[in-house]
Amino acid sequence: MLGARRVVVTGANKGIGLALVRALVAEGSTDVIMTFRKGNNGPEIYEQIRKECPNALLHYYLLDITDEASMCSWLAKAGFSS
């Protein structure tokens, strides 16, 4: 178990990313941040996981890791900038 850590999962709306989010939430990770690109089903997947695990501290952000402006914006919103 990871305990009280913030975990960021990219591509969290499908495949390995989604499986990882589900495993982390099931393990009781305290702060899981889901990221996915605009236009995907991410918000719907986020809501589904919230319903399954209402006590999980779960967040989501739209993020394109191939776009520098998107990364900088996300870092500031998620509280990672200094």
C-alpha atoms as a PDB file:
ATOM      1  CA  MET A   1       0.000   0.000   0.000  1.00  0.00           C
ATOM      2  CA  LEU A   2       1.254   3.477  -0.842  1.00  0.00           C
ATOM      3  CA  GLY A   3      -0.252   5.266   2.134  1.00  0.00           C
ATOM      4  CA  ALA A   4      -0.549   9.049   2.168  1.00  0.00           C
ATOM      5  CA  ARG A   5       0.854   9.893  -1.239  1.00  0.00           C
ATOM      6  CA  ARG A   6      -0.358  11.796  -4.256  1.00  0.00           C
ATOM      7  CA  VAL A   7      -0.418   9.563  -7.313  1.00  0.00           C
ATOM      8  CA  VAL A   8      -0.829  10.924 -10.855  1.00  0.00           C
ATOM      9  CA  VAL A   9      -2.084   8.532 -13.519  1.00  0.00           C
ATOM     10  CA  THR A  10      -2.006   9.596 -17.165  1.00  0.00           C
ATOM     11  CA  GLY A  11      -4.377   7.967 -19.624  1.00  0.00           C
ATOM     12  CA  ALA A  12      -6.599   7.167 -16.651  1.00  0.00           C
ATOM     13  CA  ASN A  13      -9.780   6.665 -18.660  1.00  0.00           C
ATOM     14  CA  LYS A  14      -8.840   3.366 -20.332  1.00  0.00           C
ATOM     15  CA  GLY A  15      -6.554   0.369 -20.369  1.00  0.00           C
ATOM     16  CA  ILE A  16      -3.621   0.200 -17.974  1.00  0.00           C
ATOM     17  CA  GLY A  17      -4.243   3.720 -16.645  1.00  0.00           C
ATOM     18  CA  LEU A  18      -7.818   2.906 -15.649  1.00  0.00           C
ATOM     19  CA  ALA A  19      -6.781  -0.418 -14.117  1.00  0.00           C
ATOM     20  CA  LEU A  20      -4.111   1.393 -12.101  1.00  0.00           C
ATOM     21  CA  VAL A  21      -6.610   3.987 -10.819  1.00  0.00           C
ATOM     22  CA  ARG A  22      -9.004   1.256  -9.741  1.00  0.00           C
ATOM     23  CA  ALA A  23      -6.205  -0.659  -7.972  1.00  0.00           C
ATOM     24  CA  LEU A  24      -4.925   2.465  -6.197  1.00  0.00           C
ATOM     25  CA  VAL A  25      -8.387   3.428  -4.985  1.00  0.00           C
ATOM     26  CA  ALA A  26      -9.049  -0.136  -3.836  1.00  0.00           C
ATOM     27  CA  GLU A  27      -5.740  -0.094  -1.913  1.00  0.00           C
ATOM     28  CA  GLY A  28      -6.799   3.077  -0.151  1.00  0.00           C
ATOM     29  CA  SER A  29      -4.350   5.521  -1.717  1.00  0.00           C
ATOM     30  CA  THR A  30      -5.196   8.896  -0.289  1.00  0.00           C
ATOM     31  CA  ASP A  31      -4.861  11.180  -3.292  1.00  0.00           C
ATOM     32  CA  VAL A  32      -5.300   9.830  -6.816  1.00  0.00           C
ATOM     33  CA  ILE A  33      -5.203  12.268  -9.725  1.00  0.00           C
ATOM     34  CA  MET A  34      -6.637  11.019 -12.998  1.00  0.00           C
ATOM     35  CA  THR A  35      -5.527  12.764 -16.182  1.00  0.00           C
ATOM     36  CA  PHE A  36      -6.752  12.309 -19.730  1.00  0.00           C
ATOM     37  CA  ARG A  37      -7.032  14.194 -22.981  1.00  0.00           C
ATOM     38  CA  LYS A  38      -9.887  16.444 -23.950  1.00  0.00           C
ATOM     39  CA  GLY A  39     -12.714  14.729 -25.799  1.00  0.00           C
ATOM     40  CA  ASN A  40     -12.324  11.381 -24.090  1.00  0.00           C
ATOM     41  CA  ASN A  41     -14.772   9.731 -21.726  1.00  0.00           C
ATOM     42  CA  GLY A  42     -12.661  10.688 -18.694  1.00  0.00           C
ATOM     43  CA  PRO A  43     -15.286  12.670 -16.765  1.00  0.00           C
ATOM     44  CA  GLU A  44     -17.762   9.796 -17.082  1.00  0.00           C
ATOM     45  CA  ILE A  45     -15.162   7.265 -15.892  1.00  0.00           C
ATOM     46  CA  TYR A  46     -14.261   9.586 -12.990  1.00  0.00           C
ATOM     47  CA  GLU A  47     -17.923   9.757 -11.912  1.00  0.00           C
ATOM     48  CA  GLN A  48     -18.254   5.983 -12.166  1.00  0.00           C
ATOM     49  CA  ILE A  49     -15.251   5.431  -9.872  1.00  0.00           C
ATOM     50  CA  ARG A  50     -16.560   8.083  -7.443  1.00  0.00           C
ATOM     51  CA  LYS A  51     -19.811   6.136  -7.170  1.00  0.00           C
ATOM     52  CA  GLU A  52     -17.949   2.862  -6.635  1.00  0.00           C
ATOM     53  CA  CYS A  53     -15.604   4.353  -3.994  1.00  0.00           C
ATOM     54  CA  PRO A  54     -17.280   7.439  -2.498  1.00  0.00           C
ATOM     55  CA  ASN A  55     -14.629   7.828   0.220  1.00  0.00           C
ATOM     56  CA  ALA A  56     -11.700   7.975  -2.214  1.00  0.00           C
ATOM     57  CA  LEU A  57      -9.876  11.264  -2.599  1.00  0.00           C
ATOM     58  CA  LEU A  58      -9.988  11.387  -6.378  1.00  0.00           C
ATOM     59  CA  HIS A  59      -9.459  14.258  -8.802  1.00  0.00           C
ATOM     60  CA  TYR A  60      -9.336  14.587 -12.564  1.00  0.00           C
ATOM     61  CA  TYR A  61      -7.772  17.014 -15.003  1.00  0.00           C
ATOM     62  CA  LEU A  62      -7.727  17.359 -18.744  1.00  0.00           C
ATOM     63  CA  LEU A  63      -4.098  17.023 -19.789  1.00  0.00           C
ATOM     64  CA  ASP A  64      -2.197  16.444 -23.006  1.00  0.00           C
ATOM     65  CA  ILE A  65       1.305  15.429 -21.949  1.00  0.00           C
ATOM     66  CA  THR A  66       2.594  16.138 -25.475  1.00  0.00           C
ATOM     67  CA  ASP A  67       1.649  19.838 -25.176  1.00  0.00           C
ATOM     68  CA  GLU A  68       3.911  22.073 -23.064  1.00  0.00           C
ATOM     69  CA  ALA A  69       1.207  24.680 -22.401  1.00  0.00           C
ATOM     70  CA  SER A  70      -1.174  21.951 -21.236  1.00  0.00           C
ATOM     71  CA  MET A  71       1.516  20.571 -18.906  1.00  0.00           C
ATOM     72  CA  CYS A  72       2.324  23.999 -17.411  1.00  0.00           C
ATOM     73  CA  SER A  73      -1.344  24.790 -16.864  1.00  0.00           C
ATOM     74  CA  TRP A  74      -1.960  21.416 -15.250  1.00  0.00           C
ATOM     75  CA  LEU A  75       1.068  21.693 -12.968  1.00  0.00           C
ATOM     76  CA  ALA A  76      -0.215  25.028 -11.641  1.00  0.00           C
ATOM     77  CA  LYS A  77      -3.806  23.776 -11.183  1.00  0.00           C
ATOM     78  CA  ALA A  78      -2.712  20.577  -9.464  1.00  0.00           C
ATOM     79  CA  GLY A  79      -0.471  22.417  -7.031  1.00  0.00           C
ATOM     80  CA  PHE A  80       2.855  21.151  -8.323  1.00  0.00           C
ATOM     81  CA  SER A  81       4.372  24.508  -9.285  1.00  0.00           C
ATOM     82  CA  SER A  82       6.641  26.356  -6.892  1.00  0.00           C
END
